[in-house]
Amino acid sequence: MPQAPLNGAERSLQHSFRKSRFFNGLLMAAVVLAAYLPIRDLPDRRQLPERTMMLNFQPIALPATPLPLRLAGAWVMTADDPRFGGLSALAVDGGRFIAVSDLGAVLRFDPPSNDRPQIAISDLVEGPGPVGRKTSRDAESLVRDPRGRGWWVGYEHRHSLWLYDDGFAIARAAIPIRRPDWWRNRGIEALLADGDGLLALAENGREAIRVDSRGIHRAQLESDWDIADAARSPGGAIWLLLRSKGREGIMQAIAPLVPSARGYRIGRAWPLPKATFDNYEGMVIRPKPGGGWRFWLVTDDGHRFRARTLLVALDLNAQKNARR
């Protein structure tokens, strides 16, 4: 049956829909751009002493969790210190979480199960460039040194890896690491211990970089996503925290890292539950006492309106683990 021609009112309505979709796309693109303005737009700050204070956990609801993940808990975190926020990377040390921030701070904090959770915040005094300058202390990745010498921190803007002692007070080594096509605020987003060396993953999702005593070796990473962080499962597999920015906002997922003929590729991705302005930047995976894994995720508020610092727990059961 031939399609009936549109009348004037229908053509006007169709044109309005097109314009609405166009302007909605522009609005969402503006929101995404505002969420990712370079950190150099933030003011510099003076060095502050180490402080320990109460950490507040406010339970919240998130959208339905896509299977096979199960939401075990989600909390908004707040603390009374100007350095709190902008969290990137996540690790566990002695039963406490540890994170670094784009303000050049190290944050050690209790899990929400603690009756009186506390957080200790200290500055990364040593590092690339002057202390207090945002572009010289934009810490984005973190991993314990595989040789037991302390912690490695990866910096953007001044693309480099720095080895610190256990207290992050003394820098023991520094390795410049960058590519000519890297943007100033899109460098190493994920660090993993890999044998006696490190595996560094670039935010652009196209490079996996092995760093060891023999030098720096680059491999291709096949991915349509950006990299936000990475973590090893209790069984030794590498999982990636992924991010994609588009007209619909910030989409995020987790997926295994799979070896390929050219280097690595991304396995099956599972979407993460989140609100519009939530931006996951850190991940660590822990075993559960009854079997299975728990993915702990932390968000970066970007020091921006309506964004939150969240701690989120997602469980993956043992059967699903065995298939990966």
Protein backbone atom coordinates (compact mmCIF):
# COMPACT_ATOMS: atom_id res chain seq x y z
CA MET A 1 0.00 0.00 0.00
CA PRO A 2 1.59 3.36 -0.99
CA GLN A 3 2.47 5.73 1.83
CA ALA A 4 0.05 8.63 2.22
CA PRO A 5 1.58 12.10 1.80
CA LEU A 6 2.07 14.16 4.93
CA ASN A 7 -0.21 17.12 5.47
CA GLY A 8 1.09 20.50 6.60
CA ALA A 9 0.56 19.87 10.33
CA GLU A 10 2.30 16.50 10.16
CA ARG A 11 5.28 17.98 8.28
CA SER A 12 5.54 20.73 10.91
CA LEU A 13 5.41 18.19 13.75
CA GLN A 14 8.07 16.00 12.09
CA HIS A 15 10.30 19.03 11.62
CA SER A 16 9.85 19.92 15.31
CA PHE A 17 10.87 16.38 16.32
CA ARG A 18 14.04 16.66 14.22
CA LYS A 19 14.95 19.99 15.78
CA SER A 20 14.20 18.64 19.26
CA ARG A 21 16.50 15.65 18.74
CA PHE A 22 19.22 17.93 17.34
CA PHE A 23 19.10 20.35 20.27
CA ASN A 24 18.86 17.51 22.80
CA GLY A 25 22.02 16.06 21.27
CA LEU A 26 23.76 19.44 21.52
CA LEU A 27 22.67 19.79 25.14
CA MET A 28 23.97 16.36 26.09
CA ALA A 29 27.25 17.01 24.26
CA ALA A 30 27.61 20.24 26.24
CA VAL A 31 26.99 18.35 29.50
CA VAL A 32 29.63 15.74 28.62
CA LEU A 33 32.10 18.47 27.60
CA ALA A 34 31.52 20.32 30.87
CA ALA A 35 32.19 17.12 32.81
CA TYR A 36 35.56 16.69 31.07
CA LEU A 37 37.00 20.20 31.00
CA PRO A 38 40.76 20.01 31.63
CA ILE A 39 41.87 20.04 35.25
CA ARG A 40 44.05 23.07 34.49
CA ASP A 41 40.88 25.19 34.86
CA LEU A 42 40.85 24.44 38.61
CA PRO A 43 42.74 26.87 40.86
CA ASP A 44 46.07 25.85 42.35
CA ARG A 45 46.18 25.30 46.10
CA ARG A 46 48.56 25.42 49.03
CA GLN A 47 49.98 22.29 50.63
CA LEU A 48 48.01 21.03 53.63
CA PRO A 49 49.04 18.76 56.53
CA GLU A 50 47.82 15.18 56.81
CA ARG A 51 44.42 14.95 58.47
CA THR A 52 42.21 12.16 59.79
CA MET A 53 38.46 12.74 60.09
CA MET A 54 35.10 11.04 60.02
CA LEU A 55 33.90 9.70 56.67
CA ASN A 56 30.16 9.87 56.07
CA PHE A 57 28.38 7.15 54.10
CA GLN A 58 24.85 7.88 52.86
CA PRO A 59 23.14 4.82 51.31
CA ILE A 60 21.46 5.52 47.97
CA ALA A 61 19.52 3.68 45.27
CA LEU A 62 20.88 3.21 41.76
CA PRO A 63 19.15 2.07 38.56
CA ALA A 64 18.58 -1.67 38.15
CA THR A 65 21.79 -3.68 37.91
CA PRO A 66 22.22 -5.49 34.57
CA LEU A 67 22.70 -9.23 35.02
CA PRO A 68 24.90 -11.09 35.94
CA LEU A 69 25.99 -8.35 38.35
CA ARG A 70 24.10 -7.76 41.59
CA LEU A 71 24.13 -4.46 43.42
CA ALA A 72 25.30 -5.13 46.98
CA GLY A 73 25.37 -1.50 48.11
CA ALA A 74 25.89 2.09 47.03
CA TRP A 75 26.84 5.08 49.17
CA VAL A 76 27.53 8.78 48.72
CA MET A 77 30.75 9.62 50.55
CA THR A 78 31.48 13.03 52.12
CA ALA A 79 34.30 14.32 54.33
CA ASP A 80 35.20 17.71 55.77
CA ASP A 81 38.39 18.43 53.84
CA PRO A 82 38.87 20.54 50.68
CA ARG A 83 41.02 17.77 49.15
CA PHE A 84 38.17 15.24 49.23
CA GLY A 85 36.81 14.51 45.74
CA GLY A 86 38.23 13.97 42.28
CA LEU A 87 39.07 10.35 43.17
CA SER A 88 40.86 8.15 40.65
CA ALA A 89 41.98 4.53 40.99
CA LEU A 90 41.20 2.28 43.94
CA ALA A 91 43.16 -0.32 45.89
CA VAL A 92 42.91 -2.20 49.19
CA ASP A 93 45.66 -1.99 51.79
CA GLY A 94 45.37 -3.66 55.20
CA GLY A 95 41.59 -3.81 55.14
CA ARG A 96 41.20 -0.15 54.11
CA PHE A 97 40.61 1.40 50.72
CA ILE A 98 43.23 3.66 49.21
CA ALA A 99 42.73 6.13 46.35
CA VAL A 100 44.55 9.02 44.72
CA SER A 101 43.02 12.22 43.40
CA ASP A 102 43.41 14.85 40.70
CA LEU A 103 44.17 17.31 43.50
CA GLY A 104 47.40 15.45 44.30
CA ALA A 105 46.14 13.73 47.44
CA VAL A 106 46.23 10.19 48.83
CA LEU A 107 43.09 9.02 50.64
CA ARG A 108 42.96 5.98 52.94
CA PHE A 109 39.49 5.15 54.22
CA ASP A 110 37.45 2.52 56.01
CA PRO A 111 34.75 0.43 54.32
CA PRO A 112 31.09 1.27 55.06
CA SER A 113 30.85 -1.78 57.35
CA ASN A 114 32.99 0.03 59.95
CA ASP A 115 30.95 1.44 62.87
CA ARG A 116 32.88 4.73 62.90
CA PRO A 117 34.50 5.00 59.47
CA GLN A 118 37.42 7.40 59.14
CA ILE A 119 39.49 8.77 56.28
CA ALA A 120 43.11 9.98 56.30
CA ILE A 121 44.09 12.50 53.61
CA SER A 122 47.66 13.55 52.79
CA ASP A 123 49.34 15.41 49.95
CA LEU A 124 51.67 13.91 47.38
CA VAL A 125 54.47 16.32 48.26
CA GLU A 126 57.00 14.89 45.81
CA GLY A 127 56.12 14.43 42.17
CA PRO A 128 56.37 15.93 38.69
CA GLY A 129 56.58 19.72 38.85
CA PRO A 130 55.75 22.11 41.71
CA VAL A 131 53.57 20.93 44.58
CA GLY A 132 50.15 22.60 44.61
CA ARG A 133 49.94 22.93 40.83
CA LYS A 134 47.03 20.89 39.46
CA THR A 135 48.84 20.07 36.23
CA SER A 136 51.76 18.58 38.14
CA ARG A 137 49.79 16.47 40.64
CA ASP A 138 46.95 15.04 38.52
CA ALA A 139 47.19 11.47 39.88
CA GLU A 140 45.06 9.01 37.88
CA SER A 141 46.35 5.48 38.51
CA LEU A 142 47.69 3.45 41.42
CA VAL A 143 49.16 0.00 42.09
CA ARG A 144 51.38 -1.63 44.70
CA ASP A 145 54.92 -2.25 43.49
CA PRO A 146 55.32 -5.95 42.57
CA ARG A 147 58.76 -5.97 44.25
CA GLY A 148 57.39 -4.66 47.56
CA ARG A 149 59.01 -1.24 47.43
CA GLY A 150 55.86 0.83 47.92
CA TRP A 151 53.27 2.24 45.50
CA TRP A 152 53.34 3.36 41.88
CA VAL A 153 51.26 6.42 40.91
CA GLY A 154 50.56 7.44 37.32
CA TYR A 155 50.21 11.15 36.46
CA GLU A 156 48.50 12.91 33.58
CA HIS A 157 49.54 16.26 32.09
CA ARG A 158 53.17 15.48 33.02
CA HIS A 159 52.85 11.90 31.81
CA SER A 160 54.98 9.79 34.14
CA LEU A 161 55.01 6.96 36.67
CA TRP A 162 56.34 7.64 40.18
CA LEU A 163 57.32 5.07 42.80
CA TYR A 164 56.64 6.07 46.42
CA ASP A 165 57.38 4.47 49.75
CA ASP A 166 54.50 2.91 51.71
CA GLY A 167 53.59 6.27 53.27
CA PHE A 168 53.74 8.22 49.96
CA ALA A 169 56.18 10.62 51.63
CA ILE A 170 59.32 9.81 49.61
CA ALA A 171 59.59 9.31 45.85
CA ARG A 172 62.03 6.49 45.05
CA ALA A 173 61.92 6.53 41.23
CA ALA A 174 60.25 8.24 38.28
CA ILE A 175 59.71 7.06 34.68
CA PRO A 176 58.55 9.43 31.92
CA ILE A 177 55.95 7.67 29.78
CA ARG A 178 53.95 9.29 26.99
CA ARG A 179 53.11 9.33 23.29
CA PRO A 180 53.13 12.37 20.95
CA ASP A 181 49.40 11.92 20.26
CA TRP A 182 48.35 11.88 23.93
CA TRP A 183 46.36 14.84 25.17
CA ARG A 184 47.61 16.49 28.32
CA ASN A 185 44.77 15.05 30.41
CA ARG A 186 44.47 11.67 28.67
CA GLY A 187 47.45 9.56 29.65
CA ILE A 188 47.83 6.44 31.80
CA GLU A 189 44.51 5.68 33.50
CA ALA A 190 45.20 2.16 34.77
CA LEU A 191 48.19 0.41 36.35
CA LEU A 192 48.60 -3.30 37.10
CA ALA A 193 51.40 -5.36 38.59
CA ASP A 194 52.55 -7.73 35.85
CA GLY A 195 55.20 -10.20 36.98
CA ASP A 196 58.17 -8.10 38.13
CA GLY A 197 57.00 -5.13 36.06
CA LEU A 198 53.94 -2.98 35.37
CA LEU A 199 51.20 -3.00 32.76
CA ALA A 200 50.00 0.53 32.03
CA LEU A 201 46.84 1.19 30.00
CA ALA A 202 46.23 4.46 28.18
CA GLU A 203 42.91 6.25 28.57
CA ASN A 204 42.38 6.28 24.80
CA GLY A 205 41.86 2.49 24.89
CA ARG A 206 44.41 1.83 22.14
CA GLU A 207 47.65 1.06 24.00
CA ALA A 208 48.89 -1.41 26.60
CA ILE A 209 52.38 -0.55 27.82
CA ARG A 210 54.67 -2.99 29.64
CA VAL A 211 57.24 -1.29 31.90
CA ASP A 212 60.05 -3.37 33.40
CA SER A 213 63.82 -3.44 33.89
CA ARG A 214 64.29 -4.01 30.15
CA GLY A 215 62.49 -0.80 29.20
CA ILE A 216 59.10 0.25 27.84
CA HIS A 217 57.30 -2.06 25.43
CA ARG A 218 54.06 -1.11 23.68
CA ALA A 219 51.29 -3.41 22.47
CA GLN A 220 48.06 -2.71 20.64
CA LEU A 221 44.80 -2.64 22.59
CA GLU A 222 41.71 -3.21 20.44
CA SER A 223 38.83 -1.33 22.01
CA ASP A 224 35.96 1.00 21.17
CA TRP A 225 35.95 2.25 24.78
CA ASP A 226 38.06 4.58 26.88
CA ILE A 227 39.86 3.06 29.88
CA ALA A 228 39.01 4.40 33.37
CA ASP A 229 40.82 1.80 35.54
CA ALA A 230 41.79 -1.88 35.70
CA ALA A 231 42.07 -4.54 38.40
CA ARG A 232 43.05 -8.17 38.79
CA SER A 233 40.47 -10.68 39.90
CA PRO A 234 41.28 -13.13 42.74
CA GLY A 235 41.98 -15.70 40.01
CA GLY A 236 44.52 -13.44 38.26
CA ALA A 237 42.44 -12.29 35.26
CA ILE A 238 42.52 -8.60 34.33
CA TRP A 239 39.27 -6.66 34.26
CA LEU A 240 38.81 -3.18 32.83
CA LEU A 241 36.62 -0.32 33.94
CA LEU A 242 35.39 1.23 30.68
CA ARG A 243 33.87 4.56 29.69
CA SER A 244 32.23 5.93 26.54
CA LYS A 245 31.02 9.49 25.98
CA GLY A 246 28.31 10.31 23.46
CA ARG A 247 25.07 12.17 22.84
CA GLU A 248 23.32 10.07 25.49
CA GLY A 249 25.88 10.96 28.16
CA ILE A 250 28.55 8.90 29.92
CA MET A 251 28.11 5.13 29.54
CA GLN A 252 30.26 2.73 31.57
CA ALA A 253 30.91 -1.00 31.77
CA ILE A 254 33.32 -3.65 33.01
CA ALA A 255 34.93 -6.26 30.78
CA PRO A 256 37.82 -8.74 30.87
CA LEU A 257 41.08 -7.96 29.07
CA VAL A 258 41.80 -10.76 26.58
CA PRO A 259 45.15 -11.51 24.85
CA SER A 260 45.09 -11.23 21.05
CA ALA A 261 47.50 -11.70 18.16
CA ARG A 262 48.39 -7.99 18.20
CA GLY A 263 48.38 -7.53 21.97
CA TYR A 264 45.05 -7.30 23.78
CA ARG A 265 41.35 -6.85 23.10
CA ILE A 266 38.25 -6.17 25.19
CA GLY A 267 36.00 -9.12 26.07
CA ARG A 268 32.28 -9.01 26.65
CA ALA A 269 31.27 -5.77 28.37
CA TRP A 270 28.64 -5.59 31.13
CA PRO A 271 26.98 -2.17 31.67
CA LEU A 272 27.19 -0.56 35.10
CA PRO A 273 24.31 0.99 37.05
CA LYS A 274 24.72 4.75 37.34
CA ALA A 275 22.97 8.10 37.30
CA THR A 276 23.56 10.65 34.54
CA PHE A 277 26.44 12.53 36.16
CA ASP A 278 28.17 9.58 37.86
CA ASN A 279 31.65 8.85 36.52
CA TYR A 280 33.37 5.66 37.73
CA GLU A 281 37.15 6.14 37.92
CA GLY A 282 38.43 3.47 40.30
CA MET A 283 37.94 -0.29 40.72
CA VAL A 284 39.25 -3.14 42.87
CA ILE A 285 38.07 -6.77 42.97
CA ARG A 286 37.93 -8.79 46.18
CA PRO A 287 36.92 -12.41 46.90
CA LYS A 288 33.69 -13.04 48.80
CA PRO A 289 33.79 -15.44 51.78
CA GLY A 290 31.10 -17.71 50.30
CA GLY A 291 32.60 -17.69 46.80
CA GLY A 292 32.37 -15.24 43.95
CA TRP A 293 33.81 -11.76 43.64
CA ARG A 294 32.91 -8.26 44.71
CA PHE A 295 33.71 -5.33 42.43
CA TRP A 296 34.25 -2.15 44.46
CA LEU A 297 33.90 1.02 42.38
CA VAL A 298 34.49 4.68 43.21
CA THR A 299 33.33 7.71 41.22
CA ASP A 300 35.09 10.97 40.44
CA ASP A 301 32.92 14.00 41.17
CA GLY A 302 35.15 16.19 39.01
CA HIS A 303 34.62 19.01 41.56
CA ARG A 304 31.48 19.85 39.60
CA PHE A 305 27.87 20.63 40.40
CA ARG A 306 25.51 17.64 40.70
CA ALA A 307 28.35 15.10 40.52
CA ARG A 308 28.91 12.74 43.48
CA THR A 309 31.66 10.72 45.11
CA LEU A 310 30.18 7.23 45.30
CA LEU A 311 31.39 3.89 46.62
CA VAL A 312 29.52 1.03 44.91
CA ALA A 313 29.68 -2.73 45.55
CA LEU A 314 28.70 -5.16 42.77
CA ASP A 315 28.73 -8.93 43.24
CA LEU A 316 29.50 -11.56 40.61
CA ASN A 317 28.67 -15.15 41.52
CA ALA A 318 31.08 -18.08 41.38
CA GLN A 319 29.47 -19.73 38.32
CA LYS A 320 29.96 -16.63 36.22
CA ASN A 321 33.54 -16.34 37.48
CA ALA A 322 34.32 -19.87 36.27
CA ARG A 323 33.26 -18.96 32.72
CA ARG A 324 35.65 -16.03 32.43
